[in-house]
Amino acid sequence: MIFVLGAKGSEWAWQNRHWDSVEHFKRVQRAWAWWGFGLFLLGILIFIINTIVAVSTLQ
């Protein structure tokens, strides 16, 4: 599903909502992209912290 959303997500978002302008649509899409990137980085950080804690409890 992640590949489908990556390929078609913007098109579906454009078709399924009324946008004030193309610039408004692009601005909203850019905001979603930054939030997604931030959450991705947060997930990596949580994974690293979890791994460090798990390794330290084994020693």
C-alpha atoms as a PDB file:
ATOM      1  CA  MET A   1       0.000   0.000   0.000  1.00  0.00           C
ATOM      2  CA  ILE A   2       2.879   2.359   0.689  1.00  0.00           C
ATOM      3  CA  PHE A   3       3.900   2.232  -2.973  1.00  0.00           C
ATOM      4  CA  VAL A   4       0.348   2.847  -4.182  1.00  0.00           C
ATOM      5  CA  LEU A   5       0.007   5.878  -1.896  1.00  0.00           C
ATOM      6  CA  GLY A   6       3.385   7.157  -3.021  1.00  0.00           C
ATOM      7  CA  ALA A   7       2.399   6.875  -6.665  1.00  0.00           C
ATOM      8  CA  LYS A   8      -1.238   7.978  -6.511  1.00  0.00           C
ATOM      9  CA  GLY A   9      -1.647   9.849  -3.202  1.00  0.00           C
ATOM     10  CA  SER A  10      -1.240  13.381  -4.527  1.00  0.00           C
ATOM     11  CA  GLU A  11      -3.548  12.695  -7.444  1.00  0.00           C
ATOM     12  CA  TRP A  12      -6.242  11.325  -5.123  1.00  0.00           C
ATOM     13  CA  ALA A  13      -5.804  14.261  -2.741  1.00  0.00           C
ATOM     14  CA  TRP A  14      -6.207  16.699  -5.639  1.00  0.00           C
ATOM     15  CA  GLN A  15      -9.359  14.979  -6.882  1.00  0.00           C
ATOM     16  CA  ASN A  16     -11.091  14.460  -3.548  1.00  0.00           C
ATOM     17  CA  ARG A  17     -11.013  17.937  -2.038  1.00  0.00           C
ATOM     18  CA  HIS A  18     -11.724  21.468  -3.137  1.00  0.00           C
ATOM     19  CA  TRP A  19      -8.509  23.490  -3.160  1.00  0.00           C
ATOM     20  CA  ASP A  20      -8.271  27.274  -3.301  1.00  0.00           C
ATOM     21  CA  SER A  21      -5.488  27.080  -5.895  1.00  0.00           C
ATOM     22  CA  VAL A  22      -2.684  24.896  -7.164  1.00  0.00           C
ATOM     23  CA  GLU A  23      -0.314  26.775  -4.848  1.00  0.00           C
ATOM     24  CA  HIS A  24      -2.550  25.975  -1.860  1.00  0.00           C
ATOM     25  CA  PHE A  25      -2.544  22.290  -2.799  1.00  0.00           C
ATOM     26  CA  LYS A  26       1.250  22.240  -3.161  1.00  0.00           C
ATOM     27  CA  ARG A  27       1.680  24.048   0.167  1.00  0.00           C
ATOM     28  CA  VAL A  28      -0.500  21.489   1.963  1.00  0.00           C
ATOM     29  CA  GLN A  29       1.271  18.577   0.263  1.00  0.00           C
ATOM     30  CA  ARG A  30       4.655  20.024   1.249  1.00  0.00           C
ATOM     31  CA  ALA A  31       3.491  20.321   4.881  1.00  0.00           C
ATOM     32  CA  TRP A  32       2.333  16.687   4.868  1.00  0.00           C
ATOM     33  CA  ALA A  33       5.674  15.630   3.389  1.00  0.00           C
ATOM     34  CA  TRP A  34       7.628  17.433   6.140  1.00  0.00           C
ATOM     35  CA  TRP A  35       5.419  15.930   8.863  1.00  0.00           C
ATOM     36  CA  GLY A  36       5.887  12.472   7.343  1.00  0.00           C
ATOM     37  CA  PHE A  37       9.640  12.939   7.190  1.00  0.00           C
ATOM     38  CA  GLY A  38       9.696  14.131  10.796  1.00  0.00           C
ATOM     39  CA  LEU A  39       7.685  11.125  11.961  1.00  0.00           C
ATOM     40  CA  PHE A  40      10.000   8.839  10.019  1.00  0.00           C
ATOM     41  CA  LEU A  41      13.015  10.344  11.791  1.00  0.00           C
ATOM     42  CA  LEU A  42      11.231  10.057  15.132  1.00  0.00           C
ATOM     43  CA  GLY A  43      10.624   6.362  14.433  1.00  0.00           C
ATOM     44  CA  ILE A  44      14.313   5.837  13.695  1.00  0.00           C
ATOM     45  CA  LEU A  45      15.253   7.670  16.909  1.00  0.00           C
ATOM     46  CA  ILE A  46      12.861   5.531  18.972  1.00  0.00           C
ATOM     47  CA  PHE A  47      14.273   2.391  17.356  1.00  0.00           C
ATOM     48  CA  ILE A  48      17.844   3.432  18.193  1.00  0.00           C
ATOM     49  CA  ILE A  49      16.948   4.297  21.798  1.00  0.00           C
ATOM     50  CA  ASN A  50      15.046   1.012  22.166  1.00  0.00           C
ATOM     51  CA  THR A  51      18.012  -0.927  20.789  1.00  0.00           C
ATOM     52  CA  ILE A  52      20.454   0.809  23.143  1.00  0.00           C
ATOM     53  CA  VAL A  53      18.218   0.121  26.137  1.00  0.00           C
ATOM     54  CA  ALA A  54      17.744  -3.533  25.131  1.00  0.00           C
ATOM     55  CA  VAL A  55      21.473  -4.091  24.666  1.00  0.00           C
ATOM     56  CA  SER A  56      22.352  -2.385  27.944  1.00  0.00           C
ATOM     57  CA  THR A  57      19.896  -4.559  29.885  1.00  0.00           C
ATOM     58  CA  LEU A  58      21.469  -7.732  28.469  1.00  0.00           C
ATOM     59  CA  GLN A  59      24.902  -6.889  29.844  1.00  0.00           C
END
